[in-house]
N, C-alpha and C. Protein backbone atom coordinates (compact mmCIF):
# COMPACT_ATOMS: atom_id res chain seq x y z
N MET A 1 35.91 69.94 74.53
CA MET A 1 36.62 71.04 73.93
C MET A 1 38.10 70.70 73.91
N ARG A 2 38.76 71.04 72.74
CA ARG A 2 40.18 70.73 72.61
C ARG A 2 40.98 72.01 72.47
N ILE A 3 42.25 71.90 72.85
CA ILE A 3 43.14 73.05 72.76
C ILE A 3 43.63 73.16 71.32
N THR A 4 43.79 74.44 70.87
CA THR A 4 44.16 74.64 69.46
C THR A 4 45.54 74.06 69.16
N GLY A 5 46.43 74.06 70.14
CA GLY A 5 47.77 73.51 69.95
C GLY A 5 47.71 72.03 69.64
N LYS A 6 46.82 71.30 70.35
CA LYS A 6 46.67 69.86 70.12
C LYS A 6 46.06 69.60 68.74
N ILE A 7 45.09 70.39 68.34
CA ILE A 7 44.44 70.23 67.03
C ILE A 7 45.48 70.44 65.93
N ARG A 8 46.29 71.48 66.07
CA ARG A 8 47.35 71.74 65.07
C ARG A 8 48.34 70.60 65.00
N ALA A 9 48.69 70.06 66.16
CA ALA A 9 49.66 68.97 66.22
C ALA A 9 49.10 67.74 65.53
N GLU A 10 47.80 67.43 65.74
CA GLU A 10 47.18 66.27 65.12
C GLU A 10 47.11 66.44 63.60
N MET A 11 46.78 67.65 63.15
CA MET A 11 46.61 67.87 61.71
C MET A 11 47.94 68.22 61.03
N GLY A 12 49.00 68.45 61.82
CA GLY A 12 50.31 68.78 61.22
C GLY A 12 50.39 70.20 60.71
N ILE A 13 49.61 71.09 61.25
CA ILE A 13 49.62 72.49 60.81
C ILE A 13 50.56 73.27 61.74
N PRO A 14 51.50 74.01 61.17
CA PRO A 14 52.39 74.81 62.05
C PRO A 14 51.65 76.01 62.62
N ALA A 15 52.21 76.53 63.73
CA ALA A 15 51.63 77.71 64.38
C ALA A 15 51.80 78.90 63.46
N PRO A 16 50.78 79.77 63.33
CA PRO A 16 50.94 80.92 62.46
C PRO A 16 51.99 81.90 63.02
N SER A 17 52.77 82.50 62.13
CA SER A 17 53.78 83.46 62.59
C SER A 17 53.57 84.79 61.88
N ASP A 18 53.68 85.85 62.63
CA ASP A 18 53.54 87.20 62.10
C ASP A 18 54.87 87.56 61.45
N PRO A 19 54.87 88.00 60.18
CA PRO A 19 56.15 88.32 59.52
C PRO A 19 56.90 89.48 60.18
N ASP A 20 56.18 90.37 60.88
CA ASP A 20 56.83 91.48 61.57
C ASP A 20 57.58 91.00 62.82
N SER A 21 57.21 89.82 63.34
CA SER A 21 57.83 89.32 64.55
C SER A 21 59.08 88.50 64.27
N THR A 22 59.31 88.12 63.02
CA THR A 22 60.50 87.31 62.71
C THR A 22 61.75 88.16 62.79
N TYR A 23 62.87 87.55 63.18
CA TYR A 23 64.14 88.25 63.36
C TYR A 23 64.79 88.53 62.02
N ARG A 24 65.19 89.77 61.84
CA ARG A 24 65.97 90.15 60.66
C ARG A 24 67.27 90.75 61.15
N LYS A 25 68.35 90.49 60.41
CA LYS A 25 69.66 91.04 60.79
C LYS A 25 69.64 92.55 60.59
N ILE A 26 70.12 93.28 61.59
CA ILE A 26 70.15 94.73 61.49
C ILE A 26 71.48 95.13 60.84
N GLU A 27 71.37 95.90 59.80
CA GLU A 27 72.58 96.37 59.11
C GLU A 27 72.79 97.84 59.46
N ARG A 28 73.92 98.07 60.13
CA ARG A 28 74.25 99.45 60.49
C ARG A 28 75.51 99.86 59.73
N PRO A 29 75.52 101.06 59.19
CA PRO A 29 76.74 101.51 58.50
C PRO A 29 77.83 101.81 59.53
N THR A 30 79.08 101.58 59.15
CA THR A 30 80.18 101.85 60.08
C THR A 30 80.28 103.36 60.24
N ARG A 31 80.47 103.77 61.48
CA ARG A 31 80.53 105.20 61.78
C ARG A 31 81.97 105.70 61.64
N ARG A 32 82.10 106.84 61.01
CA ARG A 32 83.43 107.47 60.87
C ARG A 32 83.38 108.78 61.65
N PHE A 33 84.34 108.90 62.56
CA PHE A 33 84.41 110.08 63.40
C PHE A 33 85.47 111.04 62.88
N ASN A 34 85.21 112.32 62.99
CA ASN A 34 86.22 113.31 62.63
C ASN A 34 87.36 113.26 63.65
N PRO A 35 88.56 113.59 63.20
CA PRO A 35 89.67 113.54 64.16
C PRO A 35 89.50 114.59 65.25
N LEU A 36 89.98 114.27 66.43
CA LEU A 36 89.87 115.17 67.56
C LEU A 36 90.86 116.31 67.41
N LYS A 37 90.38 117.54 67.55
CA LYS A 37 91.28 118.70 67.43
C LYS A 37 91.41 119.33 68.81
N VAL A 38 92.62 119.30 69.34
CA VAL A 38 92.89 119.88 70.64
C VAL A 38 93.53 121.24 70.44
N PRO A 39 93.02 122.30 71.07
CA PRO A 39 93.61 123.62 70.91
C PRO A 39 95.06 123.65 71.41
N LYS A 40 95.89 124.46 70.77
CA LYS A 40 97.32 124.51 71.11
C LYS A 40 97.55 124.97 72.53
N ALA A 41 96.70 125.84 73.05
CA ALA A 41 96.85 126.32 74.41
C ALA A 41 96.73 125.18 75.41
N ILE A 42 95.77 124.30 75.16
CA ILE A 42 95.55 123.15 76.04
C ILE A 42 96.63 122.10 75.80
N GLN A 43 97.01 121.93 74.54
CA GLN A 43 97.98 120.90 74.17
C GLN A 43 99.34 121.16 74.83
N GLY A 44 99.66 122.42 75.05
CA GLY A 44 100.94 122.74 75.68
C GLY A 44 101.01 122.25 77.11
N SER A 45 99.87 122.20 77.80
CA SER A 45 99.87 121.79 79.20
C SER A 45 99.71 120.28 79.38
N LEU A 46 99.49 119.54 78.30
CA LEU A 46 99.33 118.10 78.39
C LEU A 46 100.67 117.41 78.59
N PRO A 47 100.69 116.22 79.24
CA PRO A 47 101.94 115.46 79.30
C PRO A 47 102.27 114.91 77.92
N TYR A 48 103.54 114.55 77.73
CA TYR A 48 104.00 114.15 76.41
C TYR A 48 103.20 112.98 75.85
N ALA A 49 102.88 112.01 76.69
CA ALA A 49 102.18 110.81 76.22
C ALA A 49 100.79 111.15 75.67
N SER A 50 100.16 112.21 76.20
CA SER A 50 98.81 112.56 75.77
C SER A 50 98.78 113.54 74.59
N LYS A 51 99.93 114.06 74.20
CA LYS A 51 99.95 115.03 73.10
C LYS A 51 99.66 114.32 71.79
N GLN A 52 99.03 115.05 70.89
CA GLN A 52 98.72 114.48 69.57
C GLN A 52 99.97 114.55 68.70
N MET A 53 100.23 113.45 68.06
CA MET A 53 101.39 113.41 67.17
C MET A 53 100.96 113.87 65.78
N SER A 54 101.66 114.85 65.26
CA SER A 54 101.24 115.44 63.98
C SER A 54 101.83 114.71 62.77
N MET A 55 102.80 113.83 63.02
CA MET A 55 103.42 113.13 61.87
C MET A 55 102.45 112.09 61.32
N SER A 56 102.26 112.13 60.03
CA SER A 56 101.39 111.12 59.39
C SER A 56 102.27 109.94 58.96
N LYS A 57 101.64 108.81 58.72
CA LYS A 57 102.36 107.62 58.34
C LYS A 57 103.00 107.81 56.97
N ALA A 58 104.24 107.35 56.85
CA ALA A 58 104.96 107.49 55.57
C ALA A 58 104.33 106.55 54.53
N LYS A 59 104.10 107.07 53.35
CA LYS A 59 103.47 106.25 52.30
C LYS A 59 104.48 105.35 51.64
N LYS A 60 105.70 105.85 51.45
CA LYS A 60 106.75 105.05 50.81
C LYS A 60 107.82 104.74 51.86
N PRO A 61 108.46 103.58 51.73
CA PRO A 61 109.56 103.29 52.67
C PRO A 61 110.73 104.24 52.41
N THR A 62 111.36 104.68 53.49
CA THR A 62 112.47 105.61 53.36
C THR A 62 113.72 104.89 52.88
N TYR A 63 114.71 105.67 52.58
CA TYR A 63 115.98 105.13 52.08
C TYR A 63 116.59 104.18 53.11
N LEU A 64 116.57 104.59 54.38
CA LEU A 64 117.14 103.76 55.44
C LEU A 64 116.39 102.43 55.60
N GLN A 65 115.06 102.46 55.36
CA GLN A 65 114.29 101.24 55.46
C GLN A 65 114.55 100.31 54.28
N LYS A 66 114.80 100.90 53.10
CA LYS A 66 114.99 100.08 51.90
C LYS A 66 116.35 99.43 51.85
N ARG A 67 117.37 100.18 52.27
CA ARG A 67 118.73 99.67 52.08
C ARG A 67 119.01 98.48 52.99
N THR A 68 119.82 97.57 52.53
CA THR A 68 120.21 96.42 53.34
C THR A 68 121.64 96.64 53.80
N VAL A 69 121.90 96.26 55.04
CA VAL A 69 123.24 96.46 55.59
C VAL A 69 123.91 95.10 55.70
N ILE A 70 125.03 95.00 55.03
CA ILE A 70 125.82 93.77 55.11
C ILE A 70 127.07 94.11 55.89
N LEU A 71 127.21 93.45 57.03
CA LEU A 71 128.32 93.75 57.91
C LEU A 71 129.59 93.05 57.45
N GLY A 72 130.67 93.78 57.48
CA GLY A 72 131.97 93.18 57.19
C GLY A 72 132.48 92.47 58.39
N GLY A 73 133.59 91.75 58.25
CA GLY A 73 134.15 90.96 59.35
C GLY A 73 134.53 91.82 60.55
N GLU A 74 135.23 92.91 60.28
CA GLU A 74 135.68 93.80 61.36
C GLU A 74 134.47 94.44 62.07
N GLU A 75 133.53 94.90 61.28
CA GLU A 75 132.34 95.56 61.83
C GLU A 75 131.51 94.58 62.67
N LYS A 76 131.43 93.34 62.17
CA LYS A 76 130.69 92.31 62.87
C LYS A 76 131.31 92.03 64.24
N ARG A 77 132.63 91.93 64.28
CA ARG A 77 133.33 91.67 65.53
C ARG A 77 133.17 92.84 66.50
N ALA A 78 133.25 94.06 65.95
CA ALA A 78 133.08 95.24 66.79
C ALA A 78 131.69 95.29 67.42
N ARG A 79 130.67 94.97 66.64
CA ARG A 79 129.29 94.97 67.16
C ARG A 79 129.12 93.88 68.22
N ASP A 80 129.69 92.72 67.96
CA ASP A 80 129.61 91.60 68.90
C ASP A 80 130.28 91.99 70.22
N LEU A 81 131.46 92.59 70.13
CA LEU A 81 132.17 93.02 71.33
C LEU A 81 131.35 94.05 72.12
N LEU A 82 130.79 95.01 71.39
CA LEU A 82 129.97 96.05 72.03
C LEU A 82 128.78 95.43 72.77
N GLN A 83 128.16 94.45 72.12
CA GLN A 83 127.02 93.78 72.74
C GLN A 83 127.43 93.06 74.02
N LYS A 84 128.59 92.40 73.98
CA LYS A 84 129.08 91.69 75.17
C LYS A 84 129.38 92.67 76.30
N VAL A 85 129.97 93.79 75.97
CA VAL A 85 130.32 94.80 76.97
C VAL A 85 129.03 95.35 77.61
N MET A 86 128.03 95.61 76.77
CA MET A 86 126.77 96.13 77.29
C MET A 86 126.08 95.09 78.18
N THR A 87 126.15 93.81 77.82
CA THR A 87 125.57 92.76 78.63
C THR A 87 126.23 92.72 80.01
N LEU A 88 127.58 92.79 80.02
CA LEU A 88 128.30 92.81 81.29
C LEU A 88 127.89 94.01 82.14
N ARG A 89 127.78 95.17 81.50
CA ARG A 89 127.41 96.40 82.21
C ARG A 89 126.02 96.28 82.82
N ASN A 90 125.09 95.75 82.03
CA ASN A 90 123.73 95.59 82.53
C ASN A 90 123.67 94.63 83.72
N GLU A 91 124.44 93.56 83.63
CA GLU A 91 124.50 92.58 84.70
C GLU A 91 125.07 93.20 85.99
N LYS A 92 126.10 93.99 85.79
CA LYS A 92 126.74 94.68 86.93
C LYS A 92 125.76 95.62 87.62
N THR A 93 125.05 96.41 86.81
CA THR A 93 124.07 97.35 87.40
C THR A 93 122.93 96.60 88.11
N ARG A 94 122.54 95.47 87.54
CA ARG A 94 121.46 94.69 88.17
C ARG A 94 121.91 94.17 89.54
N LYS A 95 123.16 93.64 89.59
CA LYS A 95 123.69 93.14 90.86
C LYS A 95 123.84 94.28 91.87
N ARG A 96 124.28 95.44 91.40
CA ARG A 96 124.44 96.59 92.28
C ARG A 96 123.10 97.00 92.88
N LYS A 97 122.07 97.02 92.04
CA LYS A 97 120.72 97.37 92.51
C LYS A 97 120.23 96.39 93.57
N GLU A 98 120.47 95.09 93.33
CA GLU A 98 120.03 94.08 94.28
C GLU A 98 120.76 94.26 95.62
N LYS A 99 122.06 94.50 95.58
CA LYS A 99 122.84 94.68 96.80
C LYS A 99 122.36 95.93 97.54
N LYS A 100 122.08 97.00 96.78
CA LYS A 100 121.58 98.23 97.40
C LYS A 100 120.24 97.98 98.09
N ALA A 101 119.39 97.19 97.47
CA ALA A 101 118.08 96.89 98.06
C ALA A 101 118.26 96.13 99.38
N VAL A 102 119.19 95.17 99.41
CA VAL A 102 119.44 94.41 100.62
C VAL A 102 120.00 95.32 101.71
N ASP A 103 120.97 96.17 101.33
CA ASP A 103 121.55 97.11 102.29
C ASP A 103 120.51 98.06 102.83
N ARG A 104 119.62 98.52 101.94
CA ARG A 104 118.58 99.45 102.34
C ARG A 104 117.67 98.79 103.37
N GLU A 105 117.34 97.50 103.17
CA GLU A 105 116.52 96.77 104.13
C GLU A 105 117.19 96.70 105.48
N LYS A 106 118.50 96.38 105.47
CA LYS A 106 119.25 96.30 106.73
C LYS A 106 119.23 97.66 107.45
N HIS A 107 119.47 98.70 106.67
CA HIS A 107 119.52 100.04 107.24
C HIS A 107 118.16 100.43 107.84
N LEU A 108 117.09 100.14 107.11
CA LEU A 108 115.76 100.47 107.61
C LEU A 108 115.46 99.72 108.91
N LYS A 109 115.91 98.47 108.97
CA LYS A 109 115.69 97.67 110.18
C LYS A 109 116.43 98.30 111.35
N LYS A 110 117.69 98.71 111.11
CA LYS A 110 118.52 99.32 112.13
C LYS A 110 117.90 100.63 112.62
N VAL A 111 117.44 101.45 111.66
CA VAL A 111 116.81 102.72 111.99
C VAL A 111 115.55 102.48 112.83
N GLN A 112 114.80 101.46 112.47
CA GLN A 112 113.55 101.14 113.19
C GLN A 112 113.88 100.72 114.63
N GLU A 113 114.93 99.90 114.81
CA GLU A 113 115.31 99.47 116.14
C GLU A 113 115.72 100.66 117.00
N SER A 114 116.55 101.56 116.43
CA SER A 114 116.98 102.71 117.19
C SER A 114 115.78 103.62 117.54
N GLU A 115 114.85 103.71 116.61
CA GLU A 115 113.63 104.51 116.84
C GLU A 115 112.82 103.92 117.99
N ASP A 116 112.71 102.58 118.02
CA ASP A 116 111.97 101.92 119.09
C ASP A 116 112.66 102.14 120.44
N LEU A 117 114.00 102.03 120.45
CA LEU A 117 114.74 102.26 121.70
C LEU A 117 114.56 103.72 122.17
N ARG A 118 114.59 104.67 121.24
CA ARG A 118 114.43 106.07 121.59
C ARG A 118 113.04 106.31 122.19
N LYS A 119 112.02 105.72 121.56
CA LYS A 119 110.65 105.91 122.06
C LYS A 119 110.51 105.31 123.46
N ALA A 120 111.11 104.12 123.68
CA ALA A 120 111.03 103.49 124.99
C ALA A 120 111.72 104.36 126.04
N ARG A 121 112.90 104.91 125.70
CA ARG A 121 113.64 105.77 126.62
C ARG A 121 112.83 107.03 126.96
N GLU A 122 112.24 107.64 125.92
CA GLU A 122 111.44 108.84 126.15
C GLU A 122 110.24 108.55 127.03
N LYS A 123 109.63 107.39 126.83
CA LYS A 123 108.47 107.01 127.64
C LYS A 123 108.88 106.83 129.09
N ARG A 124 110.02 106.15 129.31
CA ARG A 124 110.52 105.92 130.66
C ARG A 124 110.84 107.25 131.35
N GLU A 125 111.54 108.14 130.62
CA GLU A 125 111.90 109.44 131.19
C GLU A 125 110.67 110.27 131.53
N LYS A 126 109.66 110.21 130.68
CA LYS A 126 108.41 110.94 130.90
C LYS A 126 107.74 110.43 132.17
N LYS A 127 107.73 109.11 132.32
CA LYS A 127 107.09 108.49 133.46
C LYS A 127 107.80 108.91 134.76
N GLU A 128 109.14 108.86 134.73
CA GLU A 128 109.93 109.25 135.91
C GLU A 128 109.69 110.73 136.26
N PHE A 129 109.66 111.57 135.22
CA PHE A 129 109.43 113.00 135.44
C PHE A 129 108.11 113.25 136.13
N TRP A 130 107.05 112.59 135.65
CA TRP A 130 105.72 112.83 136.22
C TRP A 130 105.58 112.22 137.61
N GLU A 131 106.34 111.14 137.86
CA GLU A 131 106.31 110.60 139.22
C GLU A 131 106.89 111.62 140.20
N ARG A 132 108.05 112.20 139.82
CA ARG A 132 108.69 113.23 140.67
C ARG A 132 107.78 114.46 140.82
N GLU A 133 107.23 114.88 139.69
CA GLU A 133 106.36 116.06 139.68
C GLU A 133 105.13 115.84 140.55
N GLY A 134 104.59 114.63 140.50
CA GLY A 134 103.42 114.29 141.31
C GLY A 134 103.73 114.36 142.79
N ARG A 135 104.92 113.84 143.18
CA ARG A 135 105.33 113.88 144.58
C ARG A 135 105.46 115.34 145.05
N LYS A 136 106.09 116.17 144.20
CA LYS A 136 106.26 117.59 144.53
C LYS A 136 104.91 118.27 144.76
N ARG A 137 104.00 118.04 143.84
CA ARG A 137 102.69 118.71 143.93
C ARG A 137 101.90 118.23 145.15
N LYS A 138 102.09 116.96 145.49
CA LYS A 138 101.38 116.40 146.63
C LYS A 138 101.83 117.09 147.92
N THR A 139 103.15 117.22 148.06
CA THR A 139 103.67 117.84 149.28
C THR A 139 103.30 119.32 149.33
N ASP A 140 103.28 120.01 148.19
CA ASP A 140 102.92 121.42 148.15
C ASP A 140 101.45 121.63 148.54
N SER A 141 100.57 120.73 148.11
CA SER A 141 99.15 120.90 148.39
C SER A 141 98.82 120.59 149.84
N GLU A 142 99.59 119.69 150.46
CA GLU A 142 99.34 119.36 151.86
C GLU A 142 99.80 120.46 152.80
N GLY A 143 100.65 121.28 152.33
CA GLY A 143 101.15 122.37 153.17
C GLY A 143 102.35 121.94 153.98
N GLY A 144 102.73 120.72 153.88
CA GLY A 144 103.91 120.24 154.61
C GLY A 144 105.14 120.58 153.83
N GLY A 145 106.20 119.90 154.12
CA GLY A 145 107.41 120.11 153.35
C GLY A 145 108.48 120.70 154.22
N ARG A 146 109.47 121.27 153.62
CA ARG A 146 110.63 121.75 154.34
C ARG A 146 110.63 123.27 154.52
N GLY A 147 109.53 123.88 154.31
CA GLY A 147 109.48 125.33 154.45
C GLY A 147 109.72 125.79 155.88
N LYS A 148 110.19 127.01 156.07
CA LYS A 148 110.43 127.55 157.43
C LYS A 148 109.09 127.80 158.11
N LYS A 149 109.16 127.71 159.45
CA LYS A 149 107.93 127.95 160.20
C LYS A 149 107.68 129.45 160.27
N ARG A 150 106.48 129.84 160.25
CA ARG A 150 106.12 131.26 160.36
C ARG A 150 106.17 131.69 161.82
N ARG A 151 106.62 132.88 161.99
CA ARG A 151 106.63 133.41 163.37
C ARG A 151 105.26 133.94 163.72
N GLN A 152 104.84 133.63 164.88
CA GLN A 152 103.54 134.09 165.35
C GLN A 152 103.73 135.49 165.96
N GLU A 153 102.99 136.46 165.55
CA GLU A 153 103.11 137.80 166.11
C GLU A 153 101.85 138.23 166.80
């Protein structure tokens, strides 16, 4: 007895295929969703970034977008100077922020050290207090101490 696969291979016959089992590309239409409508009562409580923007895209370019600006010599120099001044200002603020950060670190370290010293002092004082208190209680419980003697009647 021979296997059907071997017989097919010898005779050159391909394996039968069911046309329903063959892969066909699935064509799905693109889905279009209606725009989301948020009620005004809820929209008022939303943060600005989450609010819906009601402005639609402009179909034609505006006058400001169409016009070209050609800078004159004086205007060009003024803009250049303004840019340089702003660069200097930004650099100054950046350096100031860095220095503040360093100073803040120093201050935090100093505060932490003083806090540690304070905690150590409080711990020492607490220990001393309870040592004294313990001695007092011990003498009181024994009945000894510096109390006056009672007169026997």
